[in-house]
């Protein structure tokens, strides 16, 4: 019975591993030539993609910080001449 279980485990592990190694092209390997039907299907898919891009409406530029940022220039604060005083009350040290 152990032999049957061991064979089943090996089959479950080896099956997916074997299936993966079949379709992966190796580095430097030339790509397979496409049939005329595959080329026509690829060309039609590209045309359909371009048509679908044309159906997307133009969007205005998005500004996520627009509500936080003001439209005008920043306001300057009027300088208070009394604010420049030193501790002693005069400007010379």
N, C-alpha and C. Protein backbone atom coordinates (compact mmCIF):
# COMPACT_ATOMS: atom_id res chain seq x y z
N UNK A 1 0.81 -1.18 0.00
CA UNK A 1 0.00 0.00 0.00
C UNK A 1 0.87 1.26 0.00
N UNK A 2 2.01 1.20 0.68
CA UNK A 2 2.90 2.34 0.71
C UNK A 2 3.44 2.65 -0.68
N UNK A 3 3.65 1.63 -1.46
CA UNK A 3 4.17 1.82 -2.81
C UNK A 3 3.16 2.60 -3.65
N UNK A 4 1.89 2.31 -3.48
CA UNK A 4 0.84 3.01 -4.24
C UNK A 4 0.80 4.48 -3.83
N UNK A 5 0.89 4.75 -2.53
CA UNK A 5 0.89 6.13 -2.06
C UNK A 5 2.12 6.89 -2.57
N UNK A 6 3.27 6.25 -2.53
CA UNK A 6 4.50 6.88 -3.00
C UNK A 6 4.41 7.18 -4.50
N UNK A 7 3.86 6.25 -5.27
CA UNK A 7 3.71 6.48 -6.71
C UNK A 7 2.73 7.63 -6.98
N UNK A 8 1.67 7.72 -6.19
CA UNK A 8 0.69 8.80 -6.36
C UNK A 8 1.31 10.15 -6.05
N UNK A 9 2.10 10.23 -4.98
CA UNK A 9 2.76 11.48 -4.61
C UNK A 9 3.74 11.90 -5.69
N UNK A 10 4.51 10.98 -6.20
CA UNK A 10 5.48 11.29 -7.26
C UNK A 10 4.75 11.77 -8.51
N UNK A 11 3.64 11.15 -8.84
CA UNK A 11 2.88 11.55 -10.01
C UNK A 11 2.31 12.95 -9.84
N UNK A 12 1.81 13.26 -8.64
CA UNK A 12 1.25 14.60 -8.39
C UNK A 12 2.32 15.68 -8.44
N UNK A 13 3.52 15.37 -8.02
CA UNK A 13 4.60 16.34 -8.02
C UNK A 13 5.22 16.46 -9.42
N UNK A 14 5.39 15.38 -10.10
CA UNK A 14 6.09 15.38 -11.39
C UNK A 14 5.22 15.93 -12.51
N UNK A 15 3.92 15.76 -12.44
CA UNK A 15 3.03 16.22 -13.51
C UNK A 15 3.09 17.72 -13.75
N UNK A 16 2.85 18.56 -12.75
CA UNK A 16 2.94 20.01 -12.96
C UNK A 16 4.34 20.48 -13.31
N UNK A 17 5.35 19.86 -12.76
CA UNK A 17 6.73 20.25 -13.07
C UNK A 17 7.04 19.97 -14.53
N UNK A 18 6.60 18.86 -15.04
CA UNK A 18 6.82 18.52 -16.44
C UNK A 18 6.04 19.47 -17.35
N UNK A 19 4.84 19.83 -16.97
CA UNK A 19 4.02 20.73 -17.78
C UNK A 19 4.64 22.12 -17.85
N UNK A 20 5.28 22.57 -16.80
CA UNK A 20 5.90 23.89 -16.80
C UNK A 20 7.11 23.95 -17.72
N UNK A 21 7.88 22.92 -17.77
CA UNK A 21 9.12 22.96 -18.54
C UNK A 21 8.89 22.93 -20.04
N UNK A 22 7.73 22.56 -20.49
CA UNK A 22 7.44 22.46 -21.92
C UNK A 22 7.31 23.83 -22.59
N UNK A 23 6.65 24.79 -21.97
CA UNK A 23 6.28 26.01 -22.67
C UNK A 23 7.21 27.19 -22.43
N UNK A 24 8.19 27.08 -21.58
CA UNK A 24 9.05 28.21 -21.27
C UNK A 24 10.20 28.25 -22.28
N UNK A 25 10.33 29.33 -23.05
CA UNK A 25 11.45 29.42 -23.99
C UNK A 25 12.76 29.69 -23.23
N UNK A 26 13.81 29.14 -23.70
CA UNK A 26 15.12 29.32 -23.10
C UNK A 26 15.73 30.63 -23.59
N UNK A 27 16.70 31.16 -22.85
CA UNK A 27 17.36 32.40 -23.22
C UNK A 27 18.11 32.21 -24.53
N UNK A 28 17.93 33.13 -25.46
CA UNK A 28 18.60 33.06 -26.74
C UNK A 28 17.88 32.19 -27.75
N UNK A 29 16.82 31.55 -27.36
CA UNK A 29 16.07 30.68 -28.27
C UNK A 29 15.21 31.55 -29.19
N UNK A 30 15.21 31.24 -30.46
CA UNK A 30 14.43 32.01 -31.42
C UNK A 30 12.94 31.78 -31.20
N UNK A 31 12.13 32.84 -31.27
CA UNK A 31 10.69 32.64 -31.09
C UNK A 31 10.10 31.84 -32.25
N UNK A 32 9.04 31.13 -31.93
CA UNK A 32 8.40 30.31 -32.96
C UNK A 32 7.71 31.21 -33.98
N UNK A 33 7.72 30.78 -35.22
CA UNK A 33 7.06 31.54 -36.29
C UNK A 33 5.55 31.46 -36.11
N UNK A 34 4.88 32.61 -36.31
CA UNK A 34 3.43 32.64 -36.15
C UNK A 34 2.76 32.33 -37.48
N UNK A 35 1.63 31.69 -37.39
CA UNK A 35 0.88 31.36 -38.59
C UNK A 35 0.16 32.62 -39.08
N UNK A 36 -0.26 32.65 -40.34
CA UNK A 36 -0.99 33.81 -40.86
C UNK A 36 -2.27 34.09 -40.07
N UNK A 37 -2.90 33.06 -39.57
CA UNK A 37 -4.11 33.27 -38.76
C UNK A 37 -3.77 33.96 -37.44
N UNK A 38 -2.67 33.56 -36.82
CA UNK A 38 -2.25 34.19 -35.58
C UNK A 38 -1.86 35.65 -35.81
N UNK A 39 -1.18 35.91 -36.93
CA UNK A 39 -0.80 37.29 -37.26
C UNK A 39 -2.04 38.14 -37.50
N UNK A 40 -3.04 37.61 -38.22
CA UNK A 40 -4.26 38.35 -38.48
C UNK A 40 -5.03 38.61 -37.19
N UNK A 41 -5.08 37.62 -36.31
CA UNK A 41 -5.77 37.79 -35.03
C UNK A 41 -5.07 38.83 -34.17
N UNK A 42 -3.75 38.83 -34.18
CA UNK A 42 -2.98 39.81 -33.42
C UNK A 42 -3.20 41.22 -33.95
N UNK A 43 -3.22 41.35 -35.28
CA UNK A 43 -3.45 42.65 -35.91
C UNK A 43 -4.85 43.17 -35.59
N UNK A 44 -5.84 42.29 -35.64
CA UNK A 44 -7.22 42.67 -35.33
C UNK A 44 -7.35 43.07 -33.86
N UNK A 45 -6.66 42.38 -32.98
CA UNK A 45 -6.70 42.72 -31.56
C UNK A 45 -6.07 44.10 -31.32
N UNK A 46 -5.00 44.41 -32.04
CA UNK A 46 -4.36 45.71 -31.93
C UNK A 46 -5.29 46.82 -32.42
N UNK A 47 -5.99 46.58 -33.52
CA UNK A 47 -6.96 47.57 -34.03
C UNK A 47 -8.10 47.78 -33.04
N UNK A 48 -8.59 46.70 -32.45
CA UNK A 48 -9.67 46.81 -31.47
C UNK A 48 -9.19 47.59 -30.24
N UNK A 49 -7.97 47.37 -29.85
CA UNK A 49 -7.40 48.10 -28.71
C UNK A 49 -7.32 49.59 -29.01
N UNK A 50 -6.84 49.94 -30.20
CA UNK A 50 -6.74 51.35 -30.58
C UNK A 50 -8.12 51.99 -30.65
N UNK A 51 -9.12 51.25 -31.17
CA UNK A 51 -10.49 51.79 -31.22
C UNK A 51 -11.03 52.02 -29.82
N UNK A 52 -10.75 51.11 -28.92
CA UNK A 52 -11.24 51.27 -27.55
C UNK A 52 -10.58 52.45 -26.86
N UNK A 53 -9.32 52.75 -27.21
CA UNK A 53 -8.67 53.93 -26.64
C UNK A 53 -9.33 55.20 -27.14
N UNK A 54 -9.84 55.18 -28.36
CA UNK A 54 -10.52 56.35 -28.91
C UNK A 54 -11.86 56.61 -28.25
N UNK A 55 -12.46 55.61 -27.61
CA UNK A 55 -13.75 55.77 -26.95
C UNK A 55 -13.63 56.43 -25.58
N UNK A 56 -12.44 56.53 -25.04
CA UNK A 56 -12.25 57.12 -23.72
C UNK A 56 -12.31 58.64 -23.86
N UNK A 57 -13.21 59.32 -23.10
CA UNK A 57 -13.31 60.77 -23.22
C UNK A 57 -12.09 61.46 -22.62
N UNK A 58 -11.80 62.65 -23.13
CA UNK A 58 -10.69 63.44 -22.60
C UNK A 58 -11.07 63.92 -21.21
N UNK A 59 -10.13 63.88 -20.31
CA UNK A 59 -10.38 64.32 -18.95
C UNK A 59 -9.59 65.58 -18.66
N UNK A 60 -10.19 66.44 -17.85
CA UNK A 60 -9.47 67.65 -17.47
C UNK A 60 -8.36 67.26 -16.50
N UNK A 61 -7.32 68.07 -16.42
CA UNK A 61 -6.23 67.73 -15.51
C UNK A 61 -6.73 67.69 -14.06
N UNK A 62 -6.25 66.73 -13.34
CA UNK A 62 -6.68 66.54 -11.95
C UNK A 62 -5.69 67.23 -11.01
N UNK A 63 -6.22 67.95 -10.04
CA UNK A 63 -5.39 68.58 -9.02
C UNK A 63 -5.95 68.20 -7.66
N UNK A 64 -5.42 67.16 -7.03
CA UNK A 64 -5.97 66.71 -5.75
C UNK A 64 -5.81 67.72 -4.63
N UNK A 65 -4.84 68.62 -4.74
CA UNK A 65 -4.63 69.63 -3.70
C UNK A 65 -5.32 70.94 -4.04
N UNK A 66 -6.19 70.95 -5.04
CA UNK A 66 -6.85 72.17 -5.49
C UNK A 66 -7.67 72.84 -4.42
N UNK A 67 -8.33 72.08 -3.56
CA UNK A 67 -9.17 72.69 -2.54
C UNK A 67 -8.31 73.29 -1.43
N UNK A 68 -7.15 72.74 -1.22
CA UNK A 68 -6.28 73.23 -0.15
C UNK A 68 -5.50 74.45 -0.63
N UNK A 69 -5.05 74.43 -1.86
CA UNK A 69 -4.23 75.50 -2.42
C UNK A 69 -5.13 76.62 -2.91
N UNK A 70 -4.73 77.86 -2.66
CA UNK A 70 -5.52 78.99 -3.15
C UNK A 70 -5.13 79.30 -4.60
N UNK A 71 -6.02 79.98 -5.32
CA UNK A 71 -5.76 80.31 -6.71
C UNK A 71 -4.80 81.47 -6.85
N UNK A 72 -4.90 82.45 -5.99
CA UNK A 72 -4.08 83.65 -6.10
C UNK A 72 -2.72 83.49 -5.45
N UNK A 73 -1.94 84.57 -5.51
CA UNK A 73 -0.63 84.57 -4.88
C UNK A 73 -0.81 84.63 -3.36
N UNK A 74 0.14 84.15 -2.61
CA UNK A 74 0.00 84.23 -1.16
C UNK A 74 -0.01 85.68 -0.69
N UNK A 75 -0.83 85.94 0.30
CA UNK A 75 -0.95 87.31 0.82
C UNK A 75 0.24 87.60 1.72
N UNK A 76 0.77 88.81 1.60
CA UNK A 76 1.88 89.20 2.45
C UNK A 76 1.32 89.81 3.73
N UNK A 77 1.98 89.53 4.81
CA UNK A 77 1.56 90.06 6.10
C UNK A 77 2.26 91.38 6.32
N UNK A 78 1.49 92.40 6.72
CA UNK A 78 2.08 93.71 6.99
C UNK A 78 3.00 93.60 8.19
N UNK A 79 4.20 94.18 8.05
CA UNK A 79 5.17 94.09 9.13
C UNK A 79 4.87 95.14 10.19
N UNK A 80 4.92 94.71 11.42
CA UNK A 80 4.64 95.60 12.54
C UNK A 80 5.98 96.16 13.04
N UNK A 81 6.17 97.48 13.01
CA UNK A 81 7.46 98.03 13.46
C UNK A 81 7.70 97.78 14.95
N UNK A 82 6.68 97.62 15.74
CA UNK A 82 6.85 97.39 17.18
C UNK A 82 7.32 95.96 17.44
N UNK A 83 7.17 95.07 16.52
CA UNK A 83 7.54 93.68 16.72
C UNK A 83 9.04 93.45 16.67
N UNK A 84 9.83 94.41 16.15
CA UNK A 84 11.28 94.24 16.03
C UNK A 84 12.05 94.65 17.28
N UNK A 85 11.41 95.03 18.29
CA UNK A 85 12.12 95.49 19.49
C UNK A 85 12.87 94.35 20.15
N UNK A 86 13.97 94.72 20.77
CA UNK A 86 14.73 93.75 21.54
C UNK A 86 14.25 93.78 22.97
N UNK A 87 14.87 93.01 23.85
CA UNK A 87 14.46 92.95 25.24
C UNK A 87 14.63 94.31 25.94
N UNK A 88 15.70 94.99 25.62
CA UNK A 88 15.98 96.26 26.30
C UNK A 88 15.08 97.37 25.77
N UNK A 89 14.52 97.17 24.60
CA UNK A 89 13.64 98.19 24.07
C UNK A 89 14.27 99.05 22.98
N UNK A 90 15.57 98.96 22.80
CA UNK A 90 16.21 99.71 21.73
C UNK A 90 16.77 98.74 20.69
N UNK A 91 17.09 99.24 19.51
CA UNK A 91 17.54 98.38 18.43
C UNK A 91 19.04 98.17 18.45
N UNK A 92 19.81 98.97 19.14
CA UNK A 92 21.27 98.82 19.19
C UNK A 92 21.64 97.90 20.34
N UNK A 93 22.58 97.02 20.12
CA UNK A 93 23.03 96.10 21.17
C UNK A 93 24.33 96.54 21.72
